[in-house]
Structure formats: C-alpha cells, structure tokens
Amino acid sequence: MNYGHALRFGLHLPSDADCGPGRLVEVAGLAEQWGLDLLVVQAGTAGDDLEPSTVAAWIAAATVSLGLVLEVRPGTLLPAMLARAVAGLDRLTEGRVELAFRAGPSAAASGTADSVAALGEAIAVVRELWNVLDRGLGRFTGRFHRLAGAEKAAPAHDVPISVDGQDQDLFRLVGLRADEWSTGCDAATLTQGNRAVDEAARGAGRDPREIRRRVTIRGGFGRRTGRFTGTAADWVNDLLPLVVEHGVGTIVLDTEERDVAAGFASEVAPALRAAVDAVLPRGWPGARIRRSAARQAPAGDRLRGRSAGDGRGHRAR
C-alpha cells in the first residue's frame, strides 16, 4: 500500500532540559544545512518551562527554508490561542509551519473517549479560526470548547494538522479531521491504523490519500544489532517496507547524536528515495491529493496558492 506522497525526512529537536537556546539554533541550522525537510519541535523541548510555539519562533528566525512542526499536548493551550500563535508564526515564516497534536500511545489512559472528543473539537476550533474565506467571526459550540464570535487569524498557507497516537478512537479522528497520522514504526500498528484511518476517511467522504503517514525512529550506525542499526544500506532495507507496504511518507529521526543525524540526512535519505523509485518505477510521488475542504475553496481565494496536500508549501524538491 502506498499513498503517493513524496518522501519527507525530519529530525526531532532535543528534549533535554539542559539544551540551551544556542544548542536549539545549532541543531536547526544543521538540519537545514543537511537538506532535511522538517524539524519537529516537541512538547517539552528544552524542558517543560518553554512552550513549543515560543521555541519554534526562536528557531524560525535562525532558519530560511526548514519546515517546523509545532507539537503540542492536548489541553496545554486553549485552541483559540494556539490557532493565533500558529497562524502568526506561519505568516512570519512564509508558510513553513505545521501543527501536531501528541495524544500519546492510548487516549484511554487519559480519560476514555472524552479526551479524543475534546481533541476533535480543538481541531475544529483551530480550523474555524483559520477559515478566513468565511469572512464572519469564528463560531463553534461543542461539549468541551466554544467560540462566541472570535476574530479569525489567517496563516500563510493551509497549515497541515497531524495527530499522534495508537488508539482506535484516535484512528477515527485522524480519518475525519487530520492531514497526517503520526506513530511509531511497528508494522502491526501501521497495518491496523491504516485500515481504521482509511475506513474513517472514506466514511467522511475523504480520499485516504489526503492523509500522510509519519513514523518516528531511533537508531545508530556501526554494528548491526536490530532495526535501524548497521550501515546506511541496512537502514534503507528496514525503511523500504514501511514506505512501500505501509504508505509511510514522512520519516523523523529522534536522536541526540550529531553523527547519526548527519548520516541519516546524507546517506539514508537519498538512498531510500532511490530505492523507492526503483520499486515503484512509475513514480512514487504521484498526483498531489489536497484536503477536500481546501479543494472546495475558489481558486482566487486560496491563501497564497498553497495547500496542505503535501505539507511542503515552503520547499519543492
């Protein structure tokens, strides 16, 4: 199974509380220099005292083309405030920002299906405040969130929203509302999740190809001790089935080691692109499938002509 998305490669920012502002900028600069597509600013990056949008703003000023994925934990920010922060940062970076909700391995652990319902409402509030094509005030009434006539905030492009998690209710939420599903690299979870996400998407009248699949991996080079260890060729052999058989389109490396990140960017990424091209000779980056709501907007009204279809309005490759 392949969803036709051009491969993207990214890096997690260090989550060490001792990682100071200079180190954050250094990592971002290296990621951009190495040609990576995106940097994930995790919830809790550089300690819980710094909230992600502040960290992302700091990094954005020191980069030019690097995509920035702003990851937040549901409930830590009011969705209206989050929508405005992301829209402002997206405009300042000229369309380089994505928004990610990290719900965790199981939504049941944080309060049954209500936590997923609240997350779904938060996404609806964010999208409502970004919907400047409807020129009225933002309004939304739900069980957990409410807008009673709020000023809207226009981002520079159709900002993609991803949801991280491995719960059945979350799978359905992704199929209904998200642009990307983020998870680990377990094949069984990907199989189960893809099936549930695709079914929910079709039930909502969406094309499953609108939804990217992102995995986060950890590994190292040197002696082969398991997946994502050994040589770059070993990494490619481990990653190829995730792309070809499970539709993964975004691969993010979580590491504190500079040499591992450099090898991932300079050796693994180009080799995997070539390997996928060889397996899917008719072209793995197929026609861009844009979010159905964005496709319905009049062409002259779309924000700066960009969309979340491939999540890369800031960079073409």
Protein backbone atom coordinates (compact mmCIF):
# COMPACT_ATOMS: atom_id res chain seq x y z
CA MET A 1 0.00 0.00 0.00
CA ASN A 2 1.37 3.38 -0.97
CA TYR A 3 -0.45 6.71 -0.76
CA GLY A 4 1.64 8.50 -3.38
CA HIS A 5 3.30 11.05 -1.11
CA ALA A 6 6.74 12.44 -1.82
CA LEU A 7 9.08 11.30 0.94
CA ARG A 8 9.98 13.79 3.65
CA PHE A 9 12.74 13.42 6.22
CA GLY A 10 12.97 15.22 9.54
CA LEU A 11 14.65 15.44 12.90
CA HIS A 12 13.38 15.88 16.45
CA LEU A 13 14.76 18.75 18.46
CA PRO A 14 16.50 17.57 21.64
CA SER A 15 14.13 17.25 24.59
CA ASP A 16 16.90 17.59 27.17
CA ALA A 17 16.09 20.30 29.71
CA ASP A 18 19.77 21.34 29.63
CA CYS A 19 19.60 22.10 25.91
CA GLY A 20 20.04 25.87 25.83
CA PRO A 21 18.94 28.40 23.20
CA GLY A 22 22.26 28.22 21.35
CA ARG A 23 22.06 24.46 21.03
CA LEU A 24 18.49 24.65 19.70
CA VAL A 25 19.55 27.06 16.96
CA GLU A 26 22.60 24.93 16.17
CA VAL A 27 20.50 21.78 15.66
CA ALA A 28 18.04 23.65 13.46
CA GLY A 29 20.85 25.14 11.38
CA LEU A 30 22.43 21.74 10.86
CA ALA A 31 19.11 20.17 9.85
CA GLU A 32 18.66 22.89 7.24
CA GLN A 33 22.27 22.61 6.07
CA TRP A 34 21.91 18.83 5.68
CA GLY A 35 18.84 19.30 3.48
CA LEU A 36 16.26 17.80 5.81
CA ASP A 37 12.67 18.81 5.17
CA LEU A 38 11.43 19.46 8.67
CA LEU A 39 12.23 19.81 12.34
CA VAL A 40 9.80 18.59 14.98
CA VAL A 41 9.60 20.95 17.96
CA GLN A 42 8.37 18.51 20.58
CA ALA A 43 6.17 19.32 23.53
CA GLY A 44 8.68 19.63 26.36
CA THR A 45 11.63 20.58 24.15
CA ALA A 46 14.34 22.13 26.32
CA GLY A 47 12.25 21.40 29.40
CA ASP A 48 8.63 21.96 30.29
CA ASP A 49 9.29 25.61 31.16
CA LEU A 50 9.38 26.53 27.45
CA GLU A 51 6.21 26.10 25.46
CA PRO A 52 6.61 24.82 21.88
CA SER A 53 5.43 27.86 19.91
CA THR A 54 8.00 30.04 21.71
CA VAL A 55 10.77 27.57 20.90
CA ALA A 56 9.59 27.35 17.28
CA ALA A 57 9.59 31.13 16.94
CA TRP A 58 13.15 31.27 18.27
CA ILE A 59 14.29 28.67 15.72
CA ALA A 60 12.30 30.16 12.84
CA ALA A 61 14.28 33.39 13.00
CA ALA A 62 17.52 31.43 12.51
CA THR A 63 16.36 29.34 9.51
CA VAL A 64 15.20 30.08 5.99
CA SER A 65 13.60 27.03 4.38
CA LEU A 66 13.28 24.38 7.10
CA GLY A 67 9.76 23.19 7.86
CA LEU A 68 8.76 23.48 11.52
CA VAL A 69 6.34 21.01 13.09
CA LEU A 70 4.92 22.53 16.25
CA GLU A 71 3.92 19.66 18.55
CA VAL A 72 1.56 20.31 21.45
CA ARG A 73 -0.15 18.16 24.04
CA PRO A 74 -3.94 18.48 24.03
CA GLY A 75 -5.18 20.61 26.88
CA THR A 76 -1.98 22.57 27.43
CA LEU A 77 -3.12 25.55 25.34
CA LEU A 78 -6.55 26.92 24.59
CA PRO A 79 -7.24 26.07 20.93
CA ALA A 80 -8.08 29.68 20.06
CA MET A 81 -4.74 30.88 21.44
CA LEU A 82 -2.96 28.04 19.66
CA ALA A 83 -4.63 28.91 16.35
CA ARG A 84 -3.47 32.52 16.59
CA ALA A 85 0.09 31.57 17.60
CA VAL A 86 0.46 29.12 14.71
CA ALA A 87 -1.12 31.50 12.18
CA GLY A 88 1.22 34.31 13.21
CA LEU A 89 4.31 32.11 13.07
CA ASP A 90 3.25 30.69 9.71
CA ARG A 91 2.95 34.17 8.27
CA LEU A 92 6.33 35.23 9.65
CA THR A 93 7.98 32.11 8.17
CA GLU A 94 6.10 32.43 4.86
CA GLY A 95 4.34 29.09 5.16
CA ARG A 96 6.82 26.79 6.93
CA VAL A 97 4.72 25.70 9.92
CA GLU A 98 2.74 22.54 10.66
CA LEU A 99 0.73 21.72 13.77
CA ALA A 100 0.88 18.36 15.56
CA PHE A 101 -1.20 17.09 18.46
CA ARG A 102 0.56 14.44 20.52
CA ALA A 103 -2.18 12.43 22.19
CA GLY A 104 0.09 9.60 23.36
CA PRO A 105 0.01 5.82 22.88
CA SER A 106 -3.54 5.42 24.15
CA ALA A 107 -6.23 8.03 24.63
CA ALA A 108 -7.94 5.69 27.08
CA ALA A 109 -5.12 6.29 29.53
CA SER A 110 -6.01 9.99 29.74
CA GLY A 111 -9.75 9.88 30.15
CA THR A 112 -11.66 7.46 27.84
CA ALA A 113 -13.20 8.65 24.60
CA ASP A 114 -13.88 12.11 26.02
CA SER A 115 -10.22 13.08 25.56
CA VAL A 116 -10.43 12.21 21.86
CA ALA A 117 -13.72 14.09 21.50
CA ALA A 118 -12.14 17.14 23.15
CA LEU A 119 -9.17 16.89 20.77
CA GLY A 120 -11.53 16.70 17.80
CA GLU A 121 -13.28 19.86 18.99
CA ALA A 122 -9.93 21.61 19.48
CA ILE A 123 -9.00 20.84 15.87
CA ALA A 124 -12.39 22.15 14.73
CA VAL A 125 -11.84 25.40 16.66
CA VAL A 126 -8.39 25.85 15.12
CA ARG A 127 -9.68 25.28 11.61
CA GLU A 128 -12.62 27.62 12.21
CA LEU A 129 -10.30 30.46 13.23
CA TRP A 130 -8.09 29.81 10.20
CA ASN A 131 -11.07 29.80 7.82
CA VAL A 132 -10.80 33.38 6.65
CA LEU A 133 -12.56 32.54 3.39
CA ASP A 134 -15.70 32.74 5.51
CA ARG A 135 -15.36 36.40 6.41
CA GLY A 136 -17.55 36.31 9.50
CA LEU A 137 -16.40 35.87 13.09
CA GLY A 138 -15.33 32.46 14.31
CA ARG A 139 -18.11 30.48 15.98
CA PHE A 140 -18.18 26.98 17.41
CA THR A 141 -20.28 25.24 20.04
CA GLY A 142 -19.20 21.89 21.45
CA ARG A 143 -19.12 19.92 24.67
CA PHE A 144 -15.58 20.98 25.56
CA HIS A 145 -14.84 24.13 23.54
CA ARG A 146 -16.85 27.15 22.45
CA LEU A 147 -16.33 30.24 20.31
CA ALA A 148 -18.88 33.02 20.51
CA GLY A 149 -17.73 35.39 17.77
CA ALA A 150 -13.91 35.41 17.72
CA GLU A 151 -11.69 37.29 15.30
CA LYS A 152 -10.06 34.95 12.80
CA ALA A 153 -6.33 34.65 12.08
CA ALA A 154 -5.03 33.88 8.59
CA PRO A 155 -1.95 31.65 8.27
CA ALA A 156 0.22 31.95 5.17
CA HIS A 157 -0.85 28.57 3.82
CA ASP A 158 -3.26 25.71 4.51
CA VAL A 159 -1.42 24.52 7.63
CA PRO A 160 -1.38 20.70 7.95
CA ILE A 161 -2.57 19.21 11.23
CA SER A 162 -1.27 15.84 12.41
CA VAL A 163 -2.39 13.62 15.28
CA ASP A 164 -0.11 11.19 17.10
CA GLY A 165 -1.49 8.10 18.80
CA GLN A 166 -2.40 4.43 18.59
CA ASP A 167 -5.96 4.30 19.87
CA GLN A 168 -8.99 3.24 17.83
CA ASP A 169 -10.85 6.46 18.61
CA LEU A 170 -7.79 8.43 17.51
CA PHE A 171 -7.62 6.50 14.26
CA ARG A 172 -11.19 7.54 13.52
CA LEU A 173 -10.40 11.15 14.43
CA VAL A 174 -7.44 11.16 12.03
CA GLY A 175 -9.62 9.84 9.23
CA LEU A 176 -12.22 12.52 9.91
CA ARG A 177 -10.14 15.63 10.59
CA ALA A 178 -6.35 15.28 10.31
CA ASP A 179 -3.89 15.73 7.46
CA GLU A 180 -1.32 13.32 8.88
CA TRP A 181 -1.19 10.37 11.28
CA SER A 182 1.96 10.10 13.38
CA THR A 183 3.00 6.90 15.13
CA GLY A 184 5.91 4.56 15.84
CA CYS A 185 7.36 2.18 13.28
CA ASP A 186 5.67 -1.06 14.36
CA ALA A 187 4.34 -2.83 11.27
CA ALA A 188 1.32 -4.32 13.04
CA THR A 189 0.26 -0.91 14.36
CA LEU A 190 0.70 0.64 10.93
CA THR A 191 -1.43 -2.07 9.33
CA GLN A 192 -4.20 -1.72 11.91
CA GLY A 193 -4.05 2.05 11.95
CA ASN A 194 -4.03 2.47 8.19
CA ARG A 195 -7.09 0.27 7.87
CA ALA A 196 -9.01 2.23 10.52
CA VAL A 197 -7.89 5.64 9.26
CA ASP A 198 -8.78 4.80 5.66
CA GLU A 199 -12.19 3.47 6.64
CA ALA A 200 -12.98 6.60 8.65
CA ALA A 201 -11.76 8.85 5.84
CA ARG A 202 -13.93 7.14 3.24
CA GLY A 203 -16.90 7.29 5.60
CA ALA A 204 -16.41 11.05 5.81
CA GLY A 205 -16.20 11.40 2.04
CA ARG A 206 -12.42 11.91 2.06
CA ASP A 207 -9.76 10.28 -0.09
CA PRO A 208 -7.39 8.35 2.25
CA ARG A 209 -4.51 9.69 0.16
CA GLU A 210 -5.21 13.12 1.69
CA ILE A 211 -3.67 11.79 4.92
CA ARG A 212 0.08 11.41 5.29
CA ARG A 213 1.59 8.71 7.50
CA ARG A 214 4.57 9.69 9.66
CA VAL A 215 6.83 7.46 11.73
CA THR A 216 9.48 8.32 14.29
CA ILE A 217 12.54 6.10 14.54
CA ARG A 218 15.67 5.79 16.66
CA GLY A 219 18.90 4.12 15.61
CA GLY A 220 22.64 4.21 15.14
CA PHE A 221 25.41 3.25 12.76
CA GLY A 222 28.08 0.62 13.32
CA ARG A 223 27.44 -2.94 14.46
CA ARG A 224 24.10 -4.38 13.35
CA THR A 225 22.04 -5.04 16.49
CA GLY A 226 18.50 -4.62 15.21
CA ARG A 227 16.36 -2.36 13.07
CA PHE A 228 17.89 1.00 12.15
CA THR A 229 21.40 -0.07 13.06
CA GLY A 230 24.39 -1.08 10.96
CA THR A 231 25.11 0.63 7.65
CA ALA A 232 23.03 3.10 5.68
CA ALA A 233 22.09 0.20 3.39
CA ASP A 234 20.75 -1.67 6.42
CA TRP A 235 18.62 1.33 7.36
CA VAL A 236 17.25 1.50 3.82
CA ASN A 237 16.31 -2.19 3.93
CA ASP A 238 14.48 -1.57 7.21
CA LEU A 239 12.67 1.53 5.98
CA LEU A 240 11.72 0.42 2.47
CA PRO A 241 8.82 -1.85 3.55
CA LEU A 242 7.41 0.95 5.72
CA VAL A 243 7.17 3.19 2.66
CA VAL A 244 6.12 0.65 0.02
CA GLU A 245 3.92 -1.68 2.07
CA HIS A 246 2.57 0.65 4.76
CA GLY A 247 2.39 4.01 2.98
CA VAL A 248 4.77 5.96 5.21
CA GLY A 249 5.54 9.34 3.66
CA THR A 250 7.36 11.16 6.47
CA ILE A 251 10.26 9.72 8.48
CA VAL A 252 11.55 11.57 11.54
CA LEU A 253 14.70 10.60 13.40
CA ASP A 254 14.85 11.04 17.18
CA THR A 255 18.50 11.20 18.23
CA GLU A 256 20.85 13.26 20.36
CA GLU A 257 23.89 12.21 18.30
CA ARG A 258 25.10 14.56 15.58
CA ASP A 259 26.87 11.83 13.59
CA VAL A 260 23.73 9.70 13.46
CA ALA A 261 21.62 12.66 12.30
CA ALA A 262 24.19 13.59 9.65
CA GLY A 263 24.33 10.03 8.33
CA PHE A 264 20.55 9.82 8.23
CA ALA A 265 20.36 13.02 6.17
CA SER A 266 23.33 12.50 3.83
CA GLU A 267 23.27 8.72 3.30
CA VAL A 268 19.97 7.15 4.30
CA ALA A 269 17.54 9.74 2.88
CA PRO A 270 18.89 9.86 -0.70
CA ALA A 271 19.43 6.09 -0.81
CA LEU A 272 15.88 5.42 0.36
CA ARG A 273 14.45 7.81 -2.23
CA ALA A 274 16.37 5.94 -4.94
CA ALA A 275 15.26 2.55 -3.60
CA VAL A 276 11.59 3.59 -3.56
CA ASP A 277 11.94 4.94 -7.10
CA ALA A 278 13.32 1.58 -8.21
CA VAL A 279 10.50 -0.39 -6.57
CA LEU A 280 7.77 1.95 -7.83
CA PRO A 281 9.14 2.86 -11.27
CA ARG A 282 6.04 4.75 -12.38
CA GLY A 283 6.78 7.40 -9.81
CA TRP A 284 6.18 7.21 -6.08
CA PRO A 285 5.40 10.95 -5.68
CA GLY A 286 2.09 10.75 -7.50
CA ALA A 287 -0.50 13.45 -8.05
CA ARG A 288 -0.86 15.65 -5.00
CA ILE A 289 -4.08 14.88 -3.15
CA ARG A 290 -5.22 18.01 -1.39
CA ARG A 291 -7.53 18.20 1.61
CA SER A 292 -11.11 18.13 0.35
CA ALA A 293 -12.07 21.31 2.21
CA ALA A 294 -9.19 23.17 0.57
CA ARG A 295 -10.16 21.87 -2.87
CA GLN A 296 -13.63 23.34 -2.45
CA ALA A 297 -12.29 26.88 -2.00
CA PRO A 298 -12.46 29.16 -5.06
CA ALA A 299 -9.07 29.25 -6.77
CA GLY A 300 -8.78 33.01 -6.47
CA ASP A 301 -9.40 32.92 -2.72
CA ARG A 302 -6.90 30.29 -1.64
CA LEU A 303 -4.32 31.71 0.69
CA ARG A 304 -1.26 32.49 -1.40
CA GLY A 305 -1.93 29.50 -3.63
CA ARG A 306 -0.61 26.96 -1.11
CA SER A 307 -2.19 23.89 0.37
CA ALA A 308 -1.56 21.10 2.85
CA GLY A 309 -1.64 18.49 0.10
CA ASP A 310 1.99 17.52 0.53
CA GLY A 311 2.84 19.60 3.57
CA ARG A 312 5.71 21.27 1.73
CA GLY A 313 4.46 24.64 0.58
CA HIS A 314 7.79 26.07 1.71
CA ARG A 315 10.01 23.75 -0.30
CA ALA A 316 9.77 21.84 -3.55
CA ARG A 317 12.11 19.04 -4.44
